[in-house]
């Protein structure tokens, strides 16, 4: 298995920082970055990082107004994108396959399998 690298795209919400903290604990890696969506070079930073998974903070209005999904999948075709919204009781995983997840353990399994 290759190294697990995860990027969370958010405007640095407490929610996104909490997700990053939980992932670092459960994945036993420090290779989880939160990138500020308002950063001018956010997309270039993500492409340079070559993550296996990008988590979009779907509750963040700054993320919601961008065309991140199409742009990310075009730049990184093997990328797995997770749309995570604390207001919903589910997560959306976007790749060539779609799978609903409801628990942190399911999210961890998806990230590990794509690494």
PDB file of N, CA and C in Angstrom:
ATOM      1  N   UNK A   1       0.847  -1.177   0.000  1.00  0.00           N
ATOM      2  CA  UNK A   1       0.000   0.000   0.000  1.00  0.00           C
ATOM      3  C   UNK A   1       0.890   1.236   0.000  1.00  0.00           C
ATOM      4  N   UNK A   2       0.567   2.198  -0.843  1.00  0.00           N
ATOM      5  CA  UNK A   2       1.353   3.423  -0.885  1.00  0.00           C
ATOM      6  C   UNK A   2       0.967   4.333   0.276  1.00  0.00           C
ATOM      7  N   UNK A   3       1.721   5.404   0.416  1.00  0.00           N
ATOM      8  CA  UNK A   3       1.487   6.337   1.500  1.00  0.00           C
ATOM      9  C   UNK A   3       0.120   6.997   1.363  1.00  0.00           C
ATOM     10  N   UNK A   4      -0.585   7.121   2.473  1.00  0.00           N
ATOM     11  CA  UNK A   4      -1.892   7.764   2.474  1.00  0.00           C
ATOM     12  C   UNK A   4      -1.691   9.271   2.589  1.00  0.00           C
ATOM     13  N   UNK A   5      -2.217   9.998   1.628  1.00  0.00           N
ATOM     14  CA  UNK A   5      -2.129  11.457   1.632  1.00  0.00           C
ATOM     15  C   UNK A   5      -3.540  11.996   1.415  1.00  0.00           C
ATOM     16  N   UNK A   6      -4.011  12.813   2.360  1.00  0.00           N
ATOM     17  CA  UNK A   6      -5.365  13.348   2.318  1.00  0.00           C
ATOM     18  C   UNK A   6      -5.293  14.867   2.395  1.00  0.00           C
ATOM     19  N   UNK A   7      -6.100  15.531   1.567  1.00  0.00           N
ATOM     20  CA  UNK A   7      -6.235  16.982   1.613  1.00  0.00           C
ATOM     21  C   UNK A   7      -7.692  17.312   1.905  1.00  0.00           C
ATOM     22  N   UNK A   8      -7.902  18.240   2.825  1.00  0.00           N
ATOM     23  CA  UNK A   8      -9.243  18.730   3.134  1.00  0.00           C
ATOM     24  C   UNK A   8      -9.316  20.159   2.613  1.00  0.00           C
ATOM     25  N   UNK A   9     -10.302  20.413   1.755  1.00  0.00           N
ATOM     26  CA  UNK A   9     -10.479  21.746   1.184  1.00  0.00           C
ATOM     27  C   UNK A   9     -11.581  22.456   1.944  1.00  0.00           C
ATOM     28  N   UNK A  10     -11.223  23.541   2.604  1.00  0.00           N
ATOM     29  CA  UNK A  10     -12.152  24.265   3.472  1.00  0.00           C
ATOM     30  C   UNK A  10     -11.597  25.659   3.695  1.00  0.00           C
ATOM     31  N   UNK A  11     -12.419  26.526   4.248  1.00  0.00           N
ATOM     32  CA  UNK A  11     -11.907  27.846   4.626  1.00  0.00           C
ATOM     33  C   UNK A  11     -11.474  27.827   6.089  1.00  0.00           C
ATOM     34  N   UNK A  12     -10.910  26.683   6.476  1.00  0.00           N
ATOM     35  CA  UNK A  12     -10.335  26.493   7.815  1.00  0.00           C
ATOM     36  C   UNK A  12     -11.397  26.503   8.905  1.00  0.00           C
ATOM     37  N   UNK A  13     -12.507  25.833   8.662  1.00  0.00           N
ATOM     38  CA  UNK A  13     -13.560  25.752   9.658  1.00  0.00           C
ATOM     39  C   UNK A  13     -13.130  24.838  10.804  1.00  0.00           C
ATOM     40  N   UNK A  14     -13.773  24.997  11.940  1.00  0.00           N
ATOM     41  CA  UNK A  14     -13.514  24.121  13.079  1.00  0.00           C
ATOM     42  C   UNK A  14     -13.867  22.687  12.707  1.00  0.00           C
ATOM     43  N   UNK A  15     -14.918  22.513  11.925  1.00  0.00           N
ATOM     44  CA  UNK A  15     -15.323  21.189  11.462  1.00  0.00           C
ATOM     45  C   UNK A  15     -14.198  20.527  10.679  1.00  0.00           C
ATOM     46  N   UNK A  16     -13.618  21.237   9.717  1.00  0.00           N
ATOM     47  CA  UNK A  16     -12.542  20.673   8.891  1.00  0.00           C
ATOM     48  C   UNK A  16     -11.317  20.335   9.736  1.00  0.00           C
ATOM     49  N   UNK A  17     -10.984  21.185  10.668  1.00  0.00           N
ATOM     50  CA  UNK A  17      -9.837  20.919  11.539  1.00  0.00           C
ATOM     51  C   UNK A  17     -10.104  19.693  12.414  1.00  0.00           C
ATOM     52  N   UNK A  18     -11.357  19.523  12.854  1.00  0.00           N
ATOM     53  CA  UNK A  18     -11.719  18.345  13.638  1.00  0.00           C
ATOM     54  C   UNK A  18     -11.616  17.065  12.819  1.00  0.00           C
ATOM     55  N   UNK A  19     -12.069  17.119  11.560  1.00  0.00           N
ATOM     56  CA  UNK A  19     -11.951  15.965  10.667  1.00  0.00           C
ATOM     57  C   UNK A  19     -10.478  15.620  10.457  1.00  0.00           C
ATOM     58  N   UNK A  20      -9.657  16.626  10.231  1.00  0.00           N
ATOM     59  CA  UNK A  20      -8.218  16.394  10.034  1.00  0.00           C
ATOM     60  C   UNK A  20      -7.610  15.727  11.268  1.00  0.00           C
ATOM     61  N   UNK A  21      -7.977  16.190  12.434  1.00  0.00           N
ATOM     62  CA  UNK A  21      -7.455  15.617  13.668  1.00  0.00           C
ATOM     63  C   UNK A  21      -7.858  14.152  13.820  1.00  0.00           C
ATOM     64  N   UNK A  22      -9.123  13.850  13.549  1.00  0.00           N
ATOM     65  CA  UNK A  22      -9.602  12.452  13.642  1.00  0.00           C
ATOM     66  C   UNK A  22      -8.902  11.562  12.626  1.00  0.00           C
ATOM     67  N   UNK A  23      -8.710  12.061  11.404  1.00  0.00           N
ATOM     68  CA  UNK A  23      -8.038  11.257  10.382  1.00  0.00           C
ATOM     69  C   UNK A  23      -6.589  10.982  10.775  1.00  0.00           C
ATOM     70  N   UNK A  24      -5.910  11.969  11.332  1.00  0.00           N
ATOM     71  CA  UNK A  24      -4.519  11.764  11.756  1.00  0.00           C
ATOM     72  C   UNK A  24      -4.441  10.666  12.816  1.00  0.00           C
ATOM     73  N   UNK A  25      -5.418  10.633  13.707  1.00  0.00           N
ATOM     74  CA  UNK A  25      -5.449   9.605  14.748  1.00  0.00           C
ATOM     75  C   UNK A  25      -5.727   8.227  14.151  1.00  0.00           C
ATOM     76  N   UNK A  26      -6.733   8.135  13.305  1.00  0.00           N
ATOM     77  CA  UNK A  26      -7.168   6.838  12.790  1.00  0.00           C
ATOM     78  C   UNK A  26      -6.281   6.310  11.668  1.00  0.00           C
ATOM     79  N   UNK A  27      -5.680   7.179  10.890  1.00  0.00           N
ATOM     80  CA  UNK A  27      -4.824   6.748   9.793  1.00  0.00           C
ATOM     81  C   UNK A  27      -3.368   6.617  10.225  1.00  0.00           C
ATOM     82  N   UNK A  28      -3.074   7.077  11.446  1.00  0.00           N
ATOM     83  CA  UNK A  28      -1.716   7.048  11.974  1.00  0.00           C
ATOM     84  C   UNK A  28      -0.727   7.700  11.008  1.00  0.00           C
ATOM     85  N   UNK A  29      -1.123   8.862  10.485  1.00  0.00           N
ATOM     86  CA  UNK A  29      -0.263   9.610   9.577  1.00  0.00           C
ATOM     87  C   UNK A  29      -0.423  11.100   9.852  1.00  0.00           C
ATOM     88  N   UNK A  30       0.615  11.837   9.602  1.00  0.00           N
ATOM     89  CA  UNK A  30       0.532  13.291   9.710  1.00  0.00           C
ATOM     90  C   UNK A  30       0.312  13.917   8.340  1.00  0.00           C
ATOM     91  N   UNK A  31       0.143  13.074   7.321  1.00  0.00           N
ATOM     92  CA  UNK A  31       0.010  13.557   5.955  1.00  0.00           C
ATOM     93  C   UNK A  31      -1.444  13.889   5.613  1.00  0.00           C
ATOM     94  N   UNK A  32      -2.049  14.710   6.467  1.00  0.00           N
ATOM     95  CA  UNK A  32      -3.396  15.219   6.255  1.00  0.00           C
ATOM     96  C   UNK A  32      -3.275  16.738   6.297  1.00  0.00           C
ATOM     97  N   UNK A  33      -3.575  17.387   5.174  1.00  0.00           N
ATOM     98  CA  UNK A  33      -3.465  18.842   5.091  1.00  0.00           C
ATOM     99  C   UNK A  33      -4.833  19.468   4.934  1.00  0.00           C
ATOM    100  N   UNK A  34      -5.038  20.604   5.582  1.00  0.00           N
ATOM    101  CA  UNK A  34      -6.229  21.418   5.346  1.00  0.00           C
ATOM    102  C   UNK A  34      -5.761  22.598   4.515  1.00  0.00           C
ATOM    103  N   UNK A  35      -6.328  22.714   3.313  1.00  0.00           N
ATOM    104  CA  UNK A  35      -5.962  23.802   2.407  1.00  0.00           C
ATOM    105  C   UNK A  35      -7.108  24.792   2.368  1.00  0.00           C
ATOM    106  N   UNK A  36      -6.777  26.044   2.562  1.00  0.00           N
ATOM    107  CA  UNK A  36      -7.781  27.108   2.572  1.00  0.00           C
ATOM    108  C   UNK A  36      -8.268  27.362   1.154  1.00  0.00           C
ATOM    109  N   UNK A  37      -9.560  27.172   0.946  1.00  0.00           N
ATOM    110  CA  UNK A  37     -10.170  27.334  -0.372  1.00  0.00           C
ATOM    111  C   UNK A  37     -10.000  28.761  -0.900  1.00  0.00           C
ATOM    112  N   UNK A  38      -9.815  29.719  -0.008  1.00  0.00           N
ATOM    113  CA  UNK A  38      -9.667  31.121  -0.409  1.00  0.00           C
ATOM    114  C   UNK A  38      -8.248  31.442  -0.875  1.00  0.00           C
ATOM    115  N   UNK A  39      -7.330  30.515  -0.653  1.00  0.00           N
ATOM    116  CA  UNK A  39      -5.948  30.679  -1.083  1.00  0.00           C
ATOM    117  C   UNK A  39      -5.910  30.724  -2.610  1.00  0.00           C
ATOM    118  N   UNK A  40      -5.219  31.681  -3.165  1.00  0.00           N
ATOM    119  CA  UNK A  40      -5.213  31.873  -4.610  1.00  0.00           C
ATOM    120  C   UNK A  40      -4.685  30.658  -5.369  1.00  0.00           C
ATOM    121  N   UNK A  41      -3.742  29.950  -4.802  1.00  0.00           N
ATOM    122  CA  UNK A  41      -3.144  28.802  -5.478  1.00  0.00           C
ATOM    123  C   UNK A  41      -3.591  27.471  -4.863  1.00  0.00           C
ATOM    124  N   UNK A  42      -4.801  27.425  -4.336  1.00  0.00           N
ATOM    125  CA  UNK A  42      -5.292  26.217  -3.655  1.00  0.00           C
ATOM    126  C   UNK A  42      -5.275  25.003  -4.582  1.00  0.00           C
ATOM    127  N   UNK A  43      -5.756  25.152  -5.800  1.00  0.00           N
ATOM    128  CA  UNK A  43      -5.799  24.021  -6.732  1.00  0.00           C
ATOM    129  C   UNK A  43      -4.380  23.533  -7.073  1.00  0.00           C
ATOM    130  N   UNK A  44      -3.473  24.461  -7.332  1.00  0.00           N
ATOM    131  CA  UNK A  44      -2.092  24.085  -7.645  1.00  0.00           C
ATOM    132  C   UNK A  44      -1.450  23.356  -6.468  1.00  0.00           C
ATOM    133  N   UNK A  45      -1.746  23.811  -5.277  1.00  0.00           N
ATOM    134  CA  UNK A  45      -1.215  23.167  -4.071  1.00  0.00           C
ATOM    135  C   UNK A  45      -1.714  21.721  -3.972  1.00  0.00           C
ATOM    136  N   UNK A  46      -3.004  21.504  -4.254  1.00  0.00           N
ATOM    137  CA  UNK A  46      -3.569  20.152  -4.205  1.00  0.00           C
ATOM    138  C   UNK A  46      -2.919  19.269  -5.267  1.00  0.00           C
ATOM    139  N   UNK A  47      -2.799  19.777  -6.478  1.00  0.00           N
ATOM    140  CA  UNK A  47      -2.199  18.997  -7.567  1.00  0.00           C
ATOM    141  C   UNK A  47      -0.747  18.653  -7.228  1.00  0.00           C
ATOM    142  N   UNK A  48      -0.014  19.592  -6.641  1.00  0.00           N
ATOM    143  CA  UNK A  48       1.373  19.338  -6.241  1.00  0.00           C
ATOM    144  C   UNK A  48       1.462  18.272  -5.152  1.00  0.00           C
ATOM    145  N   UNK A  49       0.492  18.261  -4.230  1.00  0.00           N
ATOM    146  CA  UNK A  49       0.485  17.282  -3.134  1.00  0.00           C
ATOM    147  C   UNK A  49       0.192  15.863  -3.617  1.00  0.00           C
ATOM    148  N   UNK A  50      -0.505  15.721  -4.762  1.00  0.00           N
ATOM    149  CA  UNK A  50      -0.872  14.418  -5.305  1.00  0.00           C
ATOM    150  C   UNK A  50      -1.550  13.525  -4.252  1.00  0.00           C
ATOM    151  N   UNK A  51      -2.625  14.015  -3.632  1.00  0.00           N
ATOM    152  CA  UNK A  51      -3.286  13.192  -2.611  1.00  0.00           C
ATOM    153  C   UNK A  51      -4.049  12.034  -3.243  1.00  0.00           C
ATOM    154  N   UNK A  52      -4.312  11.006  -2.446  1.00  0.00           N
ATOM    155  CA  UNK A  52      -5.167   9.916  -2.903  1.00  0.00           C
ATOM    156  C   UNK A  52      -6.630  10.290  -2.701  1.00  0.00           C
ATOM    157  N   UNK A  53      -6.890  11.158  -1.715  1.00  0.00           N
ATOM    158  CA  UNK A  53      -8.256  11.578  -1.398  1.00  0.00           C
ATOM    159  C   UNK A  53      -8.286  13.065  -1.082  1.00  0.00           C
ATOM    160  N   UNK A  54      -9.297  13.754  -1.603  1.00  0.00           N
ATOM    161  CA  UNK A  54      -9.577  15.137  -1.224  1.00  0.00           C
ATOM    162  C   UNK A  54     -10.957  15.156  -0.596  1.00  0.00           C
ATOM    163  N   UNK A  55     -11.044  15.765   0.579  1.00  0.00           N
ATOM    164  CA  UNK A  55     -12.324  15.917   1.262  1.00  0.00           C
ATOM    165  C   UNK A  55     -12.769  17.357   1.084  1.00  0.00           C
ATOM    166  N   UNK A  56     -13.965  17.528   0.511  1.00  0.00           N
ATOM    167  CA  UNK A  56     -14.551  18.858   0.361  1.00  0.00           C
ATOM    168  C   UNK A  56     -15.478  19.107   1.538  1.00  0.00           C
ATOM    169  N   UNK A  57     -15.275  20.206   2.237  1.00  0.00           N
ATOM    170  CA  UNK A  57     -16.156  20.597   3.333  1.00  0.00           C
ATOM    171  C   UNK A  57     -17.416  21.187   2.707  1.00  0.00           C
ATOM    172  N   UNK A  58     -18.408  20.333   2.481  1.00  0.00           N
ATOM    173  CA  UNK A  58     -19.615  20.738   1.758  1.00  0.00           C
ATOM    174  C   UNK A  58     -20.458  21.748   2.533  1.00  0.00           C
ATOM    175  N   UNK A  59     -20.198  21.898   3.820  1.00  0.00           N
ATOM    176  CA  UNK A  59     -20.942  22.887   4.608  1.00  0.00           C
ATOM    177  C   UNK A  59     -20.332  24.278   4.497  1.00  0.00           C
ATOM    178  N   UNK A  60     -19.163  24.367   3.878  1.00  0.00           N
ATOM    179  CA  UNK A  60     -18.441  25.634   3.753  1.00  0.00           C
ATOM    180  C   UNK A  60     -18.921  26.372   2.508  1.00  0.00           C
ATOM    181  N   UNK A  61     -19.488  27.556   2.659  1.00  0.00           N
ATOM    182  CA  UNK A  61     -19.985  28.291   1.497  1.00  0.00           C
ATOM    183  C   UNK A  61     -18.902  28.588   0.461  1.00  0.00           C
ATOM    184  N   UNK A  62     -17.670  28.759   0.899  1.00  0.00           N
ATOM    185  CA  UNK A  62     -16.567  29.029  -0.025  1.00  0.00           C
ATOM    186  C   UNK A  62     -16.289  27.818  -0.917  1.00  0.00           C
ATOM    187  N   UNK A  63     -16.447  26.635  -0.391  1.00  0.00           N
ATOM    188  CA  UNK A  63     -16.251  25.408  -1.169  1.00  0.00           C
ATOM    189  C   UNK A  63     -17.444  25.200  -2.096  1.00  0.00           C
ATOM    190  N   UNK A  64     -18.636  25.477  -1.590  1.00  0.00           N
ATOM    191  CA  UNK A  64     -19.860  25.231  -2.353  1.00  0.00           C
ATOM    192  C   UNK A  64     -19.947  26.065  -3.626  1.00  0.00           C
ATOM    193  N   UNK A  65     -19.367  27.269  -3.639  1.00  0.00           N
ATOM    194  CA  UNK A  65     -19.504  28.126  -4.815  1.00  0.00           C
ATOM    195  C   UNK A  65     -18.478  27.812  -5.896  1.00  0.00           C
ATOM    196  N   UNK A  66     -17.481  26.999  -5.568  1.00  0.00           N
ATOM    197  CA  UNK A  66     -16.450  26.678  -6.556  1.00  0.00           C
ATOM    198  C   UNK A  66     -16.822  25.480  -7.405  1.00  0.00           C
ATOM    199  N   UNK A  67     -16.110  25.330  -8.512  1.00  0.00           N
ATOM    200  CA  UNK A  67     -16.295  24.192  -9.406  1.00  0.00           C
ATOM    201  C   UNK A  67     -15.183  23.182  -9.119  1.00  0.00           C
ATOM    202  N   UNK A  68     -15.022  22.834  -7.869  1.00  0.00           N
ATOM    203  CA  UNK A  68     -13.886  22.038  -7.421  1.00  0.00           C
ATOM    204  C   UNK A  68     -13.925  20.606  -7.929  1.00  0.00           C
ATOM    205  N   UNK A  69     -15.082  19.989  -7.910  1.00  0.00           N
ATOM    206  CA  UNK A  69     -15.181  18.572  -8.255  1.00  0.00           C
ATOM    207  C   UNK A  69     -14.677  18.287  -9.666  1.00  0.00           C
ATOM    208  N   UNK A  70     -15.226  18.964 -10.658  1.00  0.00           N
ATOM    209  CA  UNK A  70     -14.797  18.750 -12.041  1.00  0.00           C
ATOM    210  C   UNK A  70     -13.326  19.101 -12.241  1.00  0.00           C
ATOM    211  N   UNK A  71     -12.914  20.205 -11.653  1.00  0.00           N
ATOM    212  CA  UNK A  71     -11.533  20.660 -11.814  1.00  0.00           C
ATOM    213  C   UNK A  71     -10.551  19.665 -11.201  1.00  0.00           C
ATOM    214  N   UNK A  72     -10.848  19.173 -10.007  1.00  0.00           N
ATOM    215  CA  UNK A  72      -9.959  18.222  -9.343  1.00  0.00           C
ATOM    216  C   UNK A  72      -9.879  16.904 -10.099  1.00  0.00           C
ATOM    217  N   UNK A  73     -11.033  16.389 -10.527  1.00  0.00           N
ATOM    218  CA  UNK A  73     -11.033  15.104 -11.231  1.00  0.00           C
ATOM    219  C   UNK A  73     -10.385  15.215 -12.605  1.00  0.00           C
ATOM    220  N   UNK A  74     -10.442  16.386 -13.220  1.00  0.00           N
ATOM    221  CA  UNK A  74      -9.746  16.588 -14.499  1.00  0.00           C
ATOM    222  C   UNK A  74      -8.235  16.623 -14.296  1.00  0.00           C
ATOM    223  N   UNK A  75      -7.803  17.293 -13.241  1.00  0.00           N
ATOM    224  CA  UNK A  75      -6.368  17.423 -12.975  1.00  0.00           C
ATOM    225  C   UNK A  75      -5.756  16.134 -12.421  1.00  0.00           C
ATOM    226  N   UNK A  76      -6.543  15.389 -11.645  1.00  0.00           N
ATOM    227  CA  UNK A  76      -6.054  14.164 -10.994  1.00  0.00           C
ATOM    228  C   UNK A  76      -7.080  13.053 -11.215  1.00  0.00           C
ATOM    229  N   UNK A  77      -7.052  12.399 -12.365  1.00  0.00           N
ATOM    230  CA  UNK A  77      -8.093  11.431 -12.734  1.00  0.00           C
ATOM    231  C   UNK A  77      -8.281  10.261 -11.765  1.00  0.00           C
ATOM    232  N   UNK A  78      -7.243   9.869 -11.039  1.00  0.00           N
ATOM    233  CA  UNK A  78      -7.373   8.748 -10.100  1.00  0.00           C
ATOM    234  C   UNK A  78      -7.780   9.194  -8.701  1.00  0.00           C
ATOM    235  N   UNK A  79      -8.010  10.481  -8.552  1.00  0.00           N
ATOM    236  CA  UNK A  79      -8.357  11.054  -7.256  1.00  0.00           C
ATOM    237  C   UNK A  79      -9.725  10.585  -6.787  1.00  0.00           C
ATOM    238  N   UNK A  80      -9.829  10.390  -5.500  1.00  0.00           N
ATOM    239  CA  UNK A  80     -11.108  10.113  -4.860  1.00  0.00           C
ATOM    240  C   UNK A  80     -11.524  11.392  -4.128  1.00  0.00           C
ATOM    241  N   UNK A  81     -12.744  11.842  -4.349  1.00  0.00           N
ATOM    242  CA  UNK A  81     -13.233  13.061  -3.707  1.00  0.00           C
ATOM    243  C   UNK A  81     -14.379  12.688  -2.784  1.00  0.00           C
ATOM    244  N   UNK A  82     -14.303  13.164  -1.553  1.00  0.00           N
ATOM    245  CA  UNK A  82     -15.347  12.925  -0.566  1.00  0.00           C
ATOM    246  C   UNK A  82     -15.982  14.268  -0.239  1.00  0.00           C
ATOM    247  N   UNK A  83     -17.290  14.370  -0.451  1.00  0.00           N
ATOM    248  CA  UNK A  83     -18.042  15.563  -0.056  1.00  0.00           C
ATOM    249  C   UNK A  83     -18.612  15.284   1.320  1.00  0.00           C
ATOM    250  N   UNK A  84     -18.125  15.995   2.301  1.00  0.00           N
ATOM    251  CA  UNK A  84     -18.473  15.742   3.693  1.00  0.00           C
ATOM    252  C   UNK A  84     -19.245  16.934   4.236  1.00  0.00           C
ATOM    253  N   UNK A  85     -20.443  16.673   4.741  1.00  0.00           N
ATOM    254  CA  UNK A  85     -21.313  17.738   5.230  1.00  0.00           C
ATOM    255  C   UNK A  85     -21.823  17.363   6.616  1.00  0.00           C
ATOM    256  N   UNK A  86     -21.455  18.134   7.643  1.00  0.00           N
ATOM    257  CA  UNK A  86     -21.889  17.793   9.001  1.00  0.00           C
ATOM    258  C   UNK A  86     -23.396  17.948   9.205  1.00  0.00           C
ATOM    259  N   UNK A  87     -24.059  18.646   8.301  1.00  0.00           N
ATOM    260  CA  UNK A  87     -25.497  18.842   8.433  1.00  0.00           C
ATOM    261  C   UNK A  87     -26.292  17.661   7.885  1.00  0.00           C
ATOM    262  N   UNK A  88     -25.621  16.806   7.130  1.00  0.00           N
ATOM    263  CA  UNK A  88     -26.251  15.609   6.571  1.00  0.00           C
ATOM    264  C   UNK A  88     -25.785  14.400   7.367  1.00  0.00           C
ATOM    265  N   UNK A  89     -26.557  13.348   7.318  1.00  0.00           N
ATOM    266  CA  UNK A  89     -26.184  12.135   8.027  1.00  0.00           C
ATOM    267  C   UNK A  89     -25.507  11.140   7.083  1.00  0.00           C
ATOM    268  N   UNK A  90     -24.773  11.665   6.107  1.00  0.00           N
ATOM    269  CA  UNK A  90     -24.082  10.792   5.159  1.00  0.00           C
ATOM    270  C   UNK A  90     -22.953  11.572   4.502  1.00  0.00           C
ATOM    271  N   UNK A  91     -22.086  10.834   3.841  1.00  0.00           N
ATOM    272  CA  UNK A  91     -20.999  11.425   3.082  1.00  0.00           C
ATOM    273  C   UNK A  91     -21.155  10.966   1.648  1.00  0.00           C
ATOM    274  N   UNK A  92     -20.705  11.763   0.716  1.00  0.00           N
ATOM    275  CA  UNK A  92     -20.741  11.372  -0.690  1.00  0.00           C
ATOM    276  C   UNK A  92     -19.309  11.158  -1.166  1.00  0.00           C
ATOM    277  N   UNK A  93     -19.038   9.972  -1.685  1.00  0.00           N
ATOM    278  CA  UNK A  93     -17.732   9.650  -2.225  1.00  0.00           C
ATOM    279  C   UNK A  93     -17.855   9.660  -3.738  1.00  0.00           C
ATOM    280  N   UNK A  94     -17.020  10.471  -4.400  1.00  0.00           N
ATOM    281  CA  UNK A  94     -17.111  10.605  -5.847  1.00  0.00           C
ATOM    282  C   UNK A  94     -15.838  10.056  -6.483  1.00  0.00           C
ATOM    283  N   UNK A  95     -15.989   9.007  -7.231  1.00  0.00           N
ATOM    284  CA  UNK A  95     -14.920   8.440  -8.049  1.00  0.00           C
ATOM    285  C   UNK A  95     -15.639   7.845  -9.246  1.00  0.00           C
ATOM    286  N   UNK A  96     -15.026   6.855  -9.865  1.00  0.00           N
ATOM    287  CA  UNK A  96     -15.730   6.173 -10.938  1.00  0.00           C
ATOM    288  C   UNK A  96     -16.834   5.296 -10.356  1.00  0.00           C
ATOM    289  N   UNK A  97     -16.820   5.114  -9.034  1.00  0.00           N
ATOM    290  CA  UNK A  97     -17.886   4.391  -8.357  1.00  0.00           C
ATOM    291  C   UNK A  97     -18.419   5.280  -7.238  1.00  0.00           C
ATOM    292  N   UNK A  98     -19.629   5.074  -6.827  1.00  0.00           N
ATOM    293  CA  UNK A  98     -20.186   5.849  -5.720  1.00  0.00           C
ATOM    294  C   UNK A  98     -20.633   4.899  -4.632  1.00  0.00           C
ATOM    295  N   UNK A  99     -20.387   5.298  -3.410  1.00  0.00           N
ATOM    296  CA  UNK A  99     -20.716   4.450  -2.268  1.00  0.00           C
ATOM    297  C   UNK A  99     -21.114   5.337  -1.105  1.00  0.00           C
ATOM    298  N   UNK A 100     -22.286   5.142  -0.543  1.00  0.00           N
ATOM    299  CA  UNK A 100     -22.664   5.929   0.634  1.00  0.00           C
ATOM    300  C   UNK A 100     -21.932   5.424   1.870  1.00  0.00           C
ATOM    301  N   UNK A 101     -21.531   6.341   2.725  1.00  0.00           N
ATOM    302  CA  UNK A 101     -20.900   5.975   3.986  1.00  0.00           C
ATOM    303  C   UNK A 101     -21.544   6.780   5.106  1.00  0.00           C
ATOM    304  N   UNK A 102     -21.603   6.186   6.272  1.00  0.00           N
ATOM    305  CA  UNK A 102     -22.242   6.861   7.384  1.00  0.00           C
ATOM    306  C   UNK A 102     -21.407   6.927   8.644  1.00  0.00           C
ATOM    307  N   UNK A 103     -20.302   6.196   8.679  1.00  0.00           N
ATOM    308  CA  UNK A 103     -19.476   6.130   9.879  1.00  0.00           C
ATOM    309  C   UNK A 103     -18.033   6.492   9.544  1.00  0.00           C
ATOM    310  N   UNK A 104     -17.297   6.968  10.548  1.00  0.00           N
ATOM    311  CA  UNK A 104     -15.896   7.318  10.358  1.00  0.00           C
ATOM    312  C   UNK A 104     -15.104   6.097   9.885  1.00  0.00           C
ATOM    313  N   UNK A 105     -15.398   4.927  10.443  1.00  0.00           N
ATOM    314  CA  UNK A 105     -14.673   3.713  10.040  1.00  0.00           C
ATOM    315  C   UNK A 105     -14.839   3.435   8.551  1.00  0.00           C
ATOM    316  N   UNK A 106     -16.035   3.693   8.006  1.00  0.00           N
ATOM    317  CA  UNK A 106     -16.266   3.492   6.578  1.00  0.00           C
ATOM    318  C   UNK A 106     -15.438   4.485   5.757  1.00  0.00           C
ATOM    319  N   UNK A 107     -15.338   5.719   6.230  1.00  0.00           N
ATOM    320  CA  UNK A 107     -14.523   6.728   5.559  1.00  0.00           C
ATOM    321  C   UNK A 107     -13.050   6.322   5.580  1.00  0.00           C
ATOM    322  N   UNK A 108     -12.569   5.840   6.713  1.00  0.00           N
ATOM    323  CA  UNK A 108     -11.180   5.387   6.828  1.00  0.00           C
ATOM    324  C   UNK A 108     -10.914   4.243   5.853  1.00  0.00           C
ATOM    325  N   UNK A 109     -11.828   3.281   5.772  1.00  0.00           N
ATOM    326  CA  UNK A 109     -11.664   2.148   4.846  1.00  0.00           C
ATOM    327  C   UNK A 109     -11.555   2.629   3.405  1.00  0.00           C
ATOM    328  N   UNK A 110     -12.400   3.574   3.021  1.00  0.00           N
ATOM    329  CA  UNK A 110     -12.379   4.097   1.647  1.00  0.00           C
ATOM    330  C   UNK A 110     -11.053   4.789   1.352  1.00  0.00           C
ATOM    331  N   UNK A 111     -10.572   5.584   2.293  1.00  0.00           N
ATOM    332  CA  UNK A 111      -9.306   6.300   2.087  1.00  0.00           C
ATOM    333  C   UNK A 111      -8.150   5.307   1.974  1.00  0.00           C
ATOM    334  N   UNK A 112      -8.122   4.295   2.831  1.00  0.00           N
ATOM    335  CA  UNK A 112      -7.037   3.318   2.809  1.00  0.00           C
ATOM    336  C   UNK A 112      -7.051   2.512   1.509  1.00  0.00           C
ATOM    337  N   UNK A 113      -8.212   2.143   1.014  1.00  0.00           N
ATOM    338  CA  UNK A 113      -8.302   1.349  -0.198  1.00  0.00           C
ATOM    339  C   UNK A 113      -7.873   2.123  -1.427  1.00  0.00           C
ATOM    340  N   UNK A 114      -7.979   3.461  -1.399  1.00  0.00           N
ATOM    341  CA  UNK A 114      -7.626   4.267  -2.557  1.00  0.00           C
ATOM    342  C   UNK A 114      -6.158   4.710  -2.525  1.00  0.00           C
ATOM    343  N   UNK A 115      -5.469   4.463  -1.421  1.00  0.00           N
ATOM    344  CA  UNK A 115      -4.070   4.918  -1.291  1.00  0.00           C
ATOM    345  C   UNK A 115      -3.129   4.049  -2.095  1.00  0.00           C
TER     346      UNK A 115
END
